[in-house]
């Protein structure tokens, strides 16, 4: 929730721009991708979590208690990033198939429906797969003792509260001795 709040200014800029300019998604694509990678990969690797996680005292570690590397940070975000990347490409492609007059002549809902009509044929399958992924993440998170999501299993990570970090590391230290 805090990460969503931190992202709010970027979201407002996106909504404002994508409502006024047909190709805003195309122009915003690279800066947004860079921001996403910095936020969800670089910060996670450098600080052990996104700013929102860190504010509430959470930290991402490898399951063995070691700090994560870029490998784990990339793996944790890889599926979401893939879905986002492909969806962005599909929506940019759809926007390029419209004229400025058509784009600006439609209201918000009608424009969203028209863009959905103009997306490549694979977009609907991507949308379904993304839906399944999100619900799968939730089901896995709620049904395992350590509250690990699918992306944690993919990356070999665990999210711990900083106050519990020592207890996660203690058994490792004992086993090493």
N, C-alpha and C. Protein backbone atom coordinates (compact mmCIF):
# COMPACT_ATOMS: atom_id res chain seq x y z
N UNK A 1 0.82 -1.19 0.00
CA UNK A 1 0.00 0.00 0.00
C UNK A 1 0.87 1.26 0.00
N UNK A 2 1.94 1.23 0.78
CA UNK A 2 2.82 2.40 0.80
C UNK A 2 3.52 2.59 -0.53
N UNK A 3 3.90 1.47 -1.16
CA UNK A 3 4.52 1.58 -2.49
C UNK A 3 3.55 2.21 -3.48
N UNK A 4 2.27 1.84 -3.41
CA UNK A 4 1.27 2.44 -4.29
C UNK A 4 1.15 3.94 -4.02
N UNK A 5 1.23 4.32 -2.76
CA UNK A 5 1.18 5.74 -2.40
C UNK A 5 2.41 6.48 -2.93
N UNK A 6 3.56 5.85 -2.83
CA UNK A 6 4.80 6.45 -3.35
C UNK A 6 4.72 6.61 -4.87
N UNK A 7 4.09 5.64 -5.52
CA UNK A 7 3.93 5.66 -6.98
C UNK A 7 2.86 6.64 -7.44
N UNK A 8 2.05 7.16 -6.53
CA UNK A 8 0.92 7.99 -6.90
C UNK A 8 1.25 9.14 -7.85
N UNK A 9 2.33 9.91 -7.65
CA UNK A 9 2.63 10.98 -8.60
C UNK A 9 2.87 10.47 -10.02
N UNK A 10 3.54 9.34 -10.15
CA UNK A 10 3.78 8.77 -11.48
C UNK A 10 2.45 8.33 -12.09
N UNK A 11 1.58 7.74 -11.28
CA UNK A 11 0.27 7.30 -11.75
C UNK A 11 -0.57 8.49 -12.22
N UNK A 12 -0.53 9.58 -11.47
CA UNK A 12 -1.29 10.77 -11.84
C UNK A 12 -0.77 11.33 -13.17
N UNK A 13 0.54 11.39 -13.33
CA UNK A 13 1.12 11.87 -14.59
C UNK A 13 0.68 10.96 -15.74
N UNK A 14 0.72 9.65 -15.51
CA UNK A 14 0.31 8.71 -16.55
C UNK A 14 -1.15 8.90 -16.93
N UNK A 15 -2.03 8.99 -15.96
CA UNK A 15 -3.46 9.16 -16.24
C UNK A 15 -3.70 10.48 -16.97
N UNK A 16 -3.06 11.53 -16.49
CA UNK A 16 -3.21 12.84 -17.13
C UNK A 16 -2.75 12.78 -18.59
N UNK A 17 -1.56 12.25 -18.82
CA UNK A 17 -1.00 12.24 -20.17
C UNK A 17 -1.72 11.29 -21.11
N UNK A 18 -2.07 10.11 -20.61
CA UNK A 18 -2.70 9.12 -21.49
C UNK A 18 -4.14 9.50 -21.83
N UNK A 19 -4.72 10.43 -21.10
CA UNK A 19 -6.06 10.92 -21.42
C UNK A 19 -6.02 12.04 -22.45
N UNK A 20 -4.87 12.68 -22.63
CA UNK A 20 -4.78 13.84 -23.51
C UNK A 20 -3.99 13.59 -24.80
N UNK A 21 -3.11 12.61 -24.79
CA UNK A 21 -2.23 12.39 -25.93
C UNK A 21 -2.28 10.92 -26.35
N UNK A 22 -2.64 10.68 -27.59
CA UNK A 22 -2.81 9.32 -28.09
C UNK A 22 -1.55 8.48 -27.93
N UNK A 23 -0.40 9.04 -28.17
CA UNK A 23 0.85 8.28 -28.11
C UNK A 23 1.62 8.50 -26.81
N UNK A 24 0.92 8.97 -25.77
CA UNK A 24 1.59 9.20 -24.49
C UNK A 24 2.26 7.93 -23.98
N UNK A 25 1.58 6.78 -24.11
CA UNK A 25 2.16 5.51 -23.66
C UNK A 25 3.50 5.25 -24.34
N UNK A 26 3.59 5.58 -25.60
CA UNK A 26 4.84 5.35 -26.34
C UNK A 26 5.95 6.26 -25.83
N UNK A 27 5.62 7.52 -25.57
CA UNK A 27 6.63 8.47 -25.08
C UNK A 27 7.02 8.19 -23.63
N UNK A 28 6.08 7.71 -22.85
CA UNK A 28 6.28 7.47 -21.43
C UNK A 28 6.91 6.10 -21.17
N UNK A 29 6.93 5.25 -22.19
CA UNK A 29 7.34 3.86 -22.05
C UNK A 29 8.75 3.70 -21.46
N UNK A 30 9.75 4.29 -22.09
CA UNK A 30 11.13 4.11 -21.60
C UNK A 30 11.37 4.73 -20.23
N UNK A 31 10.94 5.98 -20.00
CA UNK A 31 11.13 6.52 -18.64
C UNK A 31 10.42 5.69 -17.58
N UNK A 32 9.22 5.21 -17.89
CA UNK A 32 8.49 4.41 -16.92
C UNK A 32 9.19 3.07 -16.67
N UNK A 33 9.68 2.43 -17.73
CA UNK A 33 10.41 1.15 -17.58
C UNK A 33 11.64 1.35 -16.70
N UNK A 34 12.35 2.44 -16.94
CA UNK A 34 13.54 2.73 -16.14
C UNK A 34 13.17 2.94 -14.67
N UNK A 35 12.12 3.70 -14.43
CA UNK A 35 11.66 3.94 -13.06
C UNK A 35 11.25 2.64 -12.38
N UNK A 36 10.53 1.80 -13.10
CA UNK A 36 10.09 0.51 -12.56
C UNK A 36 11.29 -0.35 -12.19
N UNK A 37 12.27 -0.43 -13.09
CA UNK A 37 13.45 -1.26 -12.81
C UNK A 37 14.26 -0.72 -11.64
N UNK A 38 14.37 0.60 -11.55
CA UNK A 38 15.08 1.19 -10.41
C UNK A 38 14.34 0.85 -9.12
N UNK A 39 13.04 1.02 -9.13
CA UNK A 39 12.23 0.84 -7.94
C UNK A 39 12.17 -0.62 -7.50
N UNK A 40 11.88 -1.52 -8.45
CA UNK A 40 11.61 -2.91 -8.09
C UNK A 40 12.80 -3.85 -8.21
N UNK A 41 13.88 -3.41 -8.83
CA UNK A 41 15.07 -4.26 -8.91
C UNK A 41 16.25 -3.60 -8.19
N UNK A 42 16.62 -2.39 -8.60
CA UNK A 42 17.80 -1.73 -8.03
C UNK A 42 17.62 -1.45 -6.53
N UNK A 43 16.48 -0.85 -6.15
CA UNK A 43 16.25 -0.58 -4.72
C UNK A 43 16.19 -1.87 -3.91
N UNK A 44 15.54 -2.88 -4.48
CA UNK A 44 15.44 -4.16 -3.77
C UNK A 44 16.83 -4.75 -3.56
N UNK A 45 17.67 -4.69 -4.57
CA UNK A 45 19.04 -5.21 -4.44
C UNK A 45 19.86 -4.35 -3.48
N UNK A 46 19.79 -3.06 -3.64
CA UNK A 46 20.63 -2.15 -2.86
C UNK A 46 20.22 -2.07 -1.39
N UNK A 47 18.91 -1.97 -1.13
CA UNK A 47 18.44 -1.74 0.23
C UNK A 47 17.73 -2.95 0.85
N UNK A 48 17.47 -3.99 0.06
CA UNK A 48 16.78 -5.16 0.59
C UNK A 48 15.27 -5.03 0.56
N UNK A 49 14.75 -4.09 -0.21
CA UNK A 49 13.30 -3.94 -0.33
C UNK A 49 12.93 -2.67 -1.06
N UNK A 50 11.68 -2.58 -1.43
CA UNK A 50 11.17 -1.34 -2.01
C UNK A 50 11.01 -0.33 -0.87
N UNK A 51 10.91 0.94 -1.18
CA UNK A 51 10.73 1.93 -0.11
C UNK A 51 9.55 1.62 0.80
N UNK A 52 8.43 1.18 0.24
CA UNK A 52 7.27 0.85 1.06
C UNK A 52 7.54 -0.27 2.05
N UNK A 53 8.22 -1.32 1.60
CA UNK A 53 8.57 -2.43 2.49
C UNK A 53 9.50 -1.94 3.60
N UNK A 54 10.48 -1.16 3.21
CA UNK A 54 11.46 -0.68 4.20
C UNK A 54 10.82 0.22 5.25
N UNK A 55 9.86 1.05 4.85
CA UNK A 55 9.19 1.94 5.80
C UNK A 55 8.47 1.15 6.89
N UNK A 56 7.88 0.02 6.52
CA UNK A 56 7.15 -0.78 7.52
C UNK A 56 8.04 -1.83 8.17
N UNK A 57 9.34 -1.76 7.91
CA UNK A 57 10.28 -2.63 8.60
C UNK A 57 10.43 -4.01 7.99
N UNK A 58 10.11 -4.17 6.71
CA UNK A 58 10.27 -5.46 6.05
C UNK A 58 11.55 -5.46 5.23
N UNK A 59 12.11 -6.64 5.07
CA UNK A 59 13.33 -6.79 4.28
C UNK A 59 13.26 -8.09 3.49
N UNK A 60 13.77 -8.07 2.28
CA UNK A 60 13.80 -9.26 1.43
C UNK A 60 15.18 -9.89 1.53
N UNK A 61 15.21 -11.17 1.83
CA UNK A 61 16.46 -11.92 1.95
C UNK A 61 16.37 -13.19 1.11
N UNK A 62 17.52 -13.79 0.84
CA UNK A 62 17.51 -15.14 0.28
C UNK A 62 16.97 -16.06 1.37
N UNK A 63 16.49 -17.24 0.99
CA UNK A 63 15.94 -18.15 2.00
C UNK A 63 16.99 -18.59 3.00
N UNK A 64 18.27 -18.49 2.64
CA UNK A 64 19.33 -18.86 3.59
C UNK A 64 19.72 -17.69 4.50
N UNK A 65 19.03 -16.56 4.37
CA UNK A 65 19.28 -15.41 5.24
C UNK A 65 20.27 -14.40 4.69
N UNK A 66 20.89 -14.69 3.58
CA UNK A 66 21.84 -13.75 2.97
C UNK A 66 21.10 -12.64 2.23
N UNK A 67 21.77 -11.49 2.07
CA UNK A 67 21.16 -10.41 1.27
C UNK A 67 20.97 -10.88 -0.18
N UNK A 68 19.93 -10.36 -0.82
CA UNK A 68 19.70 -10.78 -2.19
C UNK A 68 20.66 -10.08 -3.14
N UNK A 69 20.88 -10.71 -4.28
CA UNK A 69 21.72 -10.16 -5.34
C UNK A 69 20.82 -9.66 -6.46
N UNK A 70 21.42 -9.12 -7.52
CA UNK A 70 20.63 -8.70 -8.67
C UNK A 70 19.88 -9.89 -9.28
N UNK A 71 20.45 -11.07 -9.19
CA UNK A 71 19.79 -12.25 -9.74
C UNK A 71 18.44 -12.45 -9.08
N UNK A 72 18.40 -12.47 -7.76
CA UNK A 72 17.15 -12.66 -7.04
C UNK A 72 16.19 -11.48 -7.25
N UNK A 73 16.73 -10.27 -7.25
CA UNK A 73 15.87 -9.10 -7.46
C UNK A 73 15.21 -9.15 -8.84
N UNK A 74 15.97 -9.54 -9.85
CA UNK A 74 15.42 -9.66 -11.22
C UNK A 74 14.40 -10.80 -11.30
N UNK A 75 14.74 -11.93 -10.70
CA UNK A 75 13.82 -13.06 -10.74
C UNK A 75 12.50 -12.75 -10.03
N UNK A 76 12.58 -12.06 -8.89
CA UNK A 76 11.37 -11.70 -8.14
C UNK A 76 10.41 -10.89 -9.00
N UNK A 77 10.94 -10.01 -9.81
CA UNK A 77 10.10 -9.11 -10.58
C UNK A 77 9.88 -9.55 -12.03
N UNK A 78 10.52 -10.61 -12.45
CA UNK A 78 10.53 -10.99 -13.86
C UNK A 78 9.14 -11.25 -14.46
N UNK A 79 8.29 -11.96 -13.77
CA UNK A 79 6.97 -12.28 -14.33
C UNK A 79 6.12 -11.01 -14.44
N UNK A 80 6.06 -10.22 -13.37
CA UNK A 80 5.30 -8.97 -13.43
C UNK A 80 5.84 -8.06 -14.53
N UNK A 81 7.15 -7.97 -14.63
CA UNK A 81 7.76 -7.12 -15.64
C UNK A 81 7.41 -7.62 -17.04
N UNK A 82 7.45 -8.92 -17.24
CA UNK A 82 7.09 -9.49 -18.53
C UNK A 82 5.65 -9.17 -18.91
N UNK A 83 4.72 -9.34 -17.97
CA UNK A 83 3.33 -8.99 -18.23
C UNK A 83 3.19 -7.51 -18.55
N UNK A 84 3.85 -6.67 -17.78
CA UNK A 84 3.75 -5.23 -17.98
C UNK A 84 4.34 -4.83 -19.34
N UNK A 85 5.49 -5.38 -19.67
CA UNK A 85 6.15 -5.06 -20.93
C UNK A 85 5.27 -5.44 -22.11
N UNK A 86 4.75 -6.65 -22.12
CA UNK A 86 3.91 -7.11 -23.22
C UNK A 86 2.60 -6.33 -23.31
N UNK A 87 1.99 -6.04 -22.17
CA UNK A 87 0.75 -5.25 -22.18
C UNK A 87 1.01 -3.85 -22.71
N UNK A 88 2.13 -3.26 -22.34
CA UNK A 88 2.47 -1.92 -22.83
C UNK A 88 2.65 -1.93 -24.34
N UNK A 89 3.34 -2.93 -24.84
CA UNK A 89 3.54 -3.04 -26.29
C UNK A 89 2.20 -3.18 -27.01
N UNK A 90 1.31 -4.02 -26.47
CA UNK A 90 -0.01 -4.21 -27.08
C UNK A 90 -0.81 -2.92 -27.09
N UNK A 91 -0.79 -2.18 -26.00
CA UNK A 91 -1.57 -0.95 -25.92
C UNK A 91 -0.97 0.17 -26.76
N UNK A 92 0.35 0.22 -26.87
CA UNK A 92 0.98 1.20 -27.75
C UNK A 92 0.63 0.88 -29.20
N UNK A 93 0.67 -0.40 -29.55
CA UNK A 93 0.29 -0.83 -30.90
C UNK A 93 -1.15 -0.41 -31.20
N UNK A 94 -2.05 -0.61 -30.24
CA UNK A 94 -3.46 -0.23 -30.42
C UNK A 94 -3.59 1.28 -30.61
N UNK A 95 -2.89 2.06 -29.81
CA UNK A 95 -2.98 3.52 -29.91
C UNK A 95 -2.46 4.01 -31.25
N UNK A 96 -1.46 3.32 -31.80
CA UNK A 96 -0.92 3.72 -33.10
C UNK A 96 -1.90 3.42 -34.23
N UNK A 97 -2.88 2.56 -33.98
CA UNK A 97 -3.88 2.23 -35.00
C UNK A 97 -5.05 3.22 -34.99
N UNK A 98 -5.06 4.14 -34.06
CA UNK A 98 -6.11 5.15 -33.99
C UNK A 98 -5.58 6.47 -34.52
N UNK A 99 -6.49 7.33 -34.93
CA UNK A 99 -6.10 8.68 -35.29
C UNK A 99 -6.25 9.56 -34.05
N UNK A 100 -5.62 10.72 -34.07
CA UNK A 100 -5.79 11.66 -32.95
C UNK A 100 -7.24 12.06 -32.79
N UNK A 101 -7.93 12.27 -33.90
CA UNK A 101 -9.33 12.69 -33.85
C UNK A 101 -10.19 11.60 -33.19
N UNK A 102 -9.98 10.35 -33.59
CA UNK A 102 -10.75 9.26 -32.98
C UNK A 102 -10.45 9.16 -31.49
N UNK A 103 -9.17 9.22 -31.15
CA UNK A 103 -8.74 9.11 -29.74
C UNK A 103 -9.39 10.18 -28.88
N UNK A 104 -9.28 11.43 -29.33
CA UNK A 104 -9.79 12.55 -28.54
C UNK A 104 -11.31 12.66 -28.59
N UNK A 105 -11.93 12.07 -29.60
CA UNK A 105 -13.38 12.13 -29.73
C UNK A 105 -14.13 11.13 -28.86
N UNK A 106 -13.41 10.22 -28.25
CA UNK A 106 -14.04 9.19 -27.42
C UNK A 106 -13.88 9.54 -25.94
N UNK A 107 -14.88 9.20 -25.16
CA UNK A 107 -14.79 9.36 -23.71
C UNK A 107 -13.87 8.28 -23.15
N UNK A 108 -13.62 8.35 -21.86
CA UNK A 108 -12.67 7.45 -21.20
C UNK A 108 -13.03 5.97 -21.41
N UNK A 109 -14.27 5.60 -21.14
CA UNK A 109 -14.71 4.20 -21.25
C UNK A 109 -14.69 3.76 -22.71
N UNK A 110 -15.26 4.58 -23.58
CA UNK A 110 -15.30 4.23 -25.01
C UNK A 110 -13.89 4.10 -25.58
N UNK A 111 -12.99 4.97 -25.13
CA UNK A 111 -11.60 4.91 -25.60
C UNK A 111 -10.94 3.61 -25.14
N UNK A 112 -11.16 3.23 -23.88
CA UNK A 112 -10.58 1.99 -23.36
C UNK A 112 -11.11 0.79 -24.13
N UNK A 113 -12.41 0.80 -24.43
CA UNK A 113 -13.00 -0.30 -25.20
C UNK A 113 -12.42 -0.35 -26.61
N UNK A 114 -12.27 0.82 -27.23
CA UNK A 114 -11.72 0.87 -28.60
C UNK A 114 -10.26 0.42 -28.61
N UNK A 115 -9.49 0.83 -27.64
CA UNK A 115 -8.10 0.38 -27.55
C UNK A 115 -8.04 -1.14 -27.38
N UNK A 116 -8.92 -1.69 -26.57
CA UNK A 116 -8.96 -3.15 -26.38
C UNK A 116 -9.28 -3.85 -27.69
N UNK A 117 -10.17 -3.27 -28.50
CA UNK A 117 -10.51 -3.84 -29.81
C UNK A 117 -9.31 -3.84 -30.76
N UNK A 118 -8.46 -2.84 -30.62
CA UNK A 118 -7.34 -2.67 -31.55
C UNK A 118 -6.05 -3.36 -31.11
N UNK A 119 -6.04 -3.96 -29.93
CA UNK A 119 -4.83 -4.65 -29.47
C UNK A 119 -4.60 -5.89 -30.32
N UNK A 120 -3.35 -6.37 -30.37
CA UNK A 120 -3.06 -7.60 -31.10
C UNK A 120 -3.87 -8.77 -30.52
N UNK A 121 -4.06 -9.81 -31.34
CA UNK A 121 -4.88 -10.95 -30.94
C UNK A 121 -4.42 -11.64 -29.66
N UNK A 122 -3.14 -11.59 -29.36
CA UNK A 122 -2.60 -12.27 -28.18
C UNK A 122 -2.84 -11.50 -26.88
N UNK A 123 -3.32 -10.27 -27.00
CA UNK A 123 -3.49 -9.45 -25.79
C UNK A 123 -4.50 -10.04 -24.82
N UNK A 124 -5.61 -10.58 -25.34
CA UNK A 124 -6.62 -11.13 -24.44
C UNK A 124 -6.06 -12.32 -23.66
N UNK A 125 -5.27 -13.17 -24.32
CA UNK A 125 -4.64 -14.30 -23.61
C UNK A 125 -3.68 -13.79 -22.55
N UNK A 126 -2.95 -12.74 -22.88
CA UNK A 126 -2.04 -12.13 -21.91
C UNK A 126 -2.81 -11.59 -20.71
N UNK A 127 -3.93 -10.96 -20.98
CA UNK A 127 -4.77 -10.41 -19.92
C UNK A 127 -5.26 -11.52 -18.99
N UNK A 128 -5.71 -12.63 -19.57
CA UNK A 128 -6.16 -13.78 -18.76
C UNK A 128 -5.00 -14.36 -17.95
N UNK A 129 -3.85 -14.52 -18.61
CA UNK A 129 -2.68 -15.08 -17.91
C UNK A 129 -2.26 -14.18 -16.75
N UNK A 130 -2.31 -12.88 -16.96
CA UNK A 130 -1.97 -11.94 -15.90
C UNK A 130 -2.95 -12.07 -14.72
N UNK A 131 -4.21 -12.20 -15.03
CA UNK A 131 -5.25 -12.40 -14.01
C UNK A 131 -4.98 -13.67 -13.21
N UNK A 132 -4.67 -14.76 -13.90
CA UNK A 132 -4.36 -16.04 -13.23
C UNK A 132 -3.11 -15.88 -12.36
N UNK A 133 -2.10 -15.19 -12.87
CA UNK A 133 -0.87 -14.98 -12.11
C UNK A 133 -1.15 -14.23 -10.81
N UNK A 134 -1.89 -13.14 -10.90
CA UNK A 134 -2.17 -12.32 -9.71
C UNK A 134 -2.92 -13.15 -8.66
N UNK A 135 -3.95 -13.89 -9.07
CA UNK A 135 -4.69 -14.70 -8.11
C UNK A 135 -3.85 -15.86 -7.61
N UNK A 136 -2.99 -16.40 -8.47
CA UNK A 136 -2.08 -17.46 -8.03
C UNK A 136 -1.12 -16.96 -6.97
N UNK A 137 -0.62 -15.76 -7.14
CA UNK A 137 0.25 -15.15 -6.14
C UNK A 137 -0.45 -15.08 -4.79
N UNK A 138 -1.70 -14.62 -4.81
CA UNK A 138 -2.46 -14.48 -3.57
C UNK A 138 -2.73 -15.84 -2.92
N UNK A 139 -3.16 -16.80 -3.70
CA UNK A 139 -3.46 -18.13 -3.16
C UNK A 139 -2.22 -18.76 -2.53
N UNK A 140 -1.09 -18.69 -3.24
CA UNK A 140 0.14 -19.27 -2.71
C UNK A 140 0.57 -18.52 -1.44
N UNK A 141 0.48 -17.21 -1.45
CA UNK A 141 0.84 -16.41 -0.27
C UNK A 141 0.00 -16.80 0.94
N UNK A 142 -1.28 -17.01 0.74
CA UNK A 142 -2.18 -17.30 1.86
C UNK A 142 -2.17 -18.75 2.30
N UNK A 143 -1.55 -19.63 1.52
CA UNK A 143 -1.63 -21.06 1.84
C UNK A 143 -0.30 -21.69 2.22
N UNK A 144 0.73 -20.90 2.47
CA UNK A 144 1.97 -21.50 2.96
C UNK A 144 2.39 -20.81 4.26
N UNK A 145 3.02 -21.57 5.12
CA UNK A 145 3.33 -21.10 6.47
C UNK A 145 4.21 -19.86 6.50
N UNK A 146 5.15 -19.76 5.58
CA UNK A 146 6.09 -18.64 5.61
C UNK A 146 5.59 -17.43 4.83
N UNK A 147 4.36 -17.52 4.31
CA UNK A 147 3.73 -16.40 3.58
C UNK A 147 4.59 -15.93 2.40
N UNK A 148 5.15 -16.90 1.69
CA UNK A 148 5.91 -16.59 0.49
C UNK A 148 4.98 -16.60 -0.72
N UNK A 149 5.14 -15.63 -1.60
CA UNK A 149 4.36 -15.57 -2.84
C UNK A 149 5.11 -16.35 -3.93
N UNK A 150 4.45 -16.53 -5.06
CA UNK A 150 5.08 -17.27 -6.16
C UNK A 150 6.43 -16.65 -6.56
N UNK A 151 6.48 -15.32 -6.61
CA UNK A 151 7.73 -14.68 -7.01
C UNK A 151 8.84 -14.95 -6.00
N UNK A 152 8.51 -15.18 -4.74
CA UNK A 152 9.51 -15.55 -3.74
C UNK A 152 10.05 -16.95 -4.01
N UNK A 153 9.17 -17.87 -4.39
CA UNK A 153 9.62 -19.22 -4.73
C UNK A 153 10.50 -19.21 -5.98
N UNK A 154 10.13 -18.41 -6.97
CA UNK A 154 10.92 -18.31 -8.21
C UNK A 154 12.32 -17.80 -7.90
N UNK A 155 12.41 -16.78 -7.04
CA UNK A 155 13.69 -16.13 -6.75
C UNK A 155 14.44 -16.75 -5.58
N UNK A 156 13.81 -17.61 -4.81
CA UNK A 156 14.46 -18.16 -3.63
C UNK A 156 14.61 -17.12 -2.54
N UNK A 157 13.55 -16.32 -2.36
CA UNK A 157 13.60 -15.24 -1.37
C UNK A 157 12.50 -15.41 -0.34
N UNK A 158 12.65 -14.63 0.72
CA UNK A 158 11.66 -14.58 1.79
C UNK A 158 11.62 -13.14 2.30
N UNK A 159 10.44 -12.70 2.71
CA UNK A 159 10.28 -11.36 3.26
C UNK A 159 10.17 -11.51 4.77
N UNK A 160 11.02 -10.80 5.50
CA UNK A 160 11.02 -10.89 6.96
C UNK A 160 10.92 -9.48 7.55
N UNK A 161 10.42 -9.43 8.77
CA UNK A 161 10.41 -8.16 9.50
C UNK A 161 11.82 -7.95 10.04
N UNK A 162 12.31 -6.74 9.99
CA UNK A 162 13.69 -6.47 10.44
C UNK A 162 13.93 -6.97 11.86
N UNK A 163 12.92 -6.92 12.72
CA UNK A 163 13.11 -7.39 14.09
C UNK A 163 13.27 -8.91 14.13
N UNK A 164 12.79 -9.61 13.11
CA UNK A 164 12.92 -11.06 13.05
C UNK A 164 14.13 -11.51 12.24
N UNK A 165 14.79 -10.56 11.60
CA UNK A 165 15.93 -10.90 10.73
C UNK A 165 16.99 -11.69 11.48
N UNK A 166 17.28 -11.29 12.72
CA UNK A 166 18.29 -11.98 13.50
C UNK A 166 17.89 -13.44 13.76
N UNK A 167 16.59 -13.68 14.02
CA UNK A 167 16.14 -15.05 14.27
C UNK A 167 16.20 -15.89 13.01
N UNK A 168 16.09 -15.25 11.86
CA UNK A 168 16.24 -15.98 10.59
C UNK A 168 17.70 -16.35 10.40
N UNK A 169 18.58 -15.45 10.79
CA UNK A 169 20.00 -15.68 10.58
C UNK A 169 20.63 -16.57 11.65
N UNK A 170 20.11 -16.59 12.89
CA UNK A 170 20.68 -17.38 13.97
C UNK A 170 20.83 -18.87 13.65
N UNK A 171 19.79 -19.53 13.13
CA UNK A 171 19.95 -20.96 12.83
C UNK A 171 21.03 -21.20 11.78
N UNK A 172 21.21 -20.25 10.88
CA UNK A 172 22.24 -20.40 9.85
C UNK A 172 23.62 -20.31 10.50
N UNK A 173 23.78 -19.35 11.42
CA UNK A 173 25.06 -19.20 12.12
C UNK A 173 25.36 -20.42 12.96
N UNK A 174 24.34 -20.94 13.63
CA UNK A 174 24.52 -22.13 14.45
C UNK A 174 24.91 -23.31 13.58
N UNK A 175 24.24 -23.47 12.44
CA UNK A 175 24.54 -24.59 11.55
C UNK A 175 25.95 -24.48 10.97
N UNK A 176 26.41 -23.26 10.77
CA UNK A 176 27.75 -23.05 10.21
C UNK A 176 28.84 -23.40 11.22
N UNK A 177 28.54 -23.28 12.51
CA UNK A 177 29.54 -23.53 13.54
C UNK A 177 29.69 -24.97 13.75
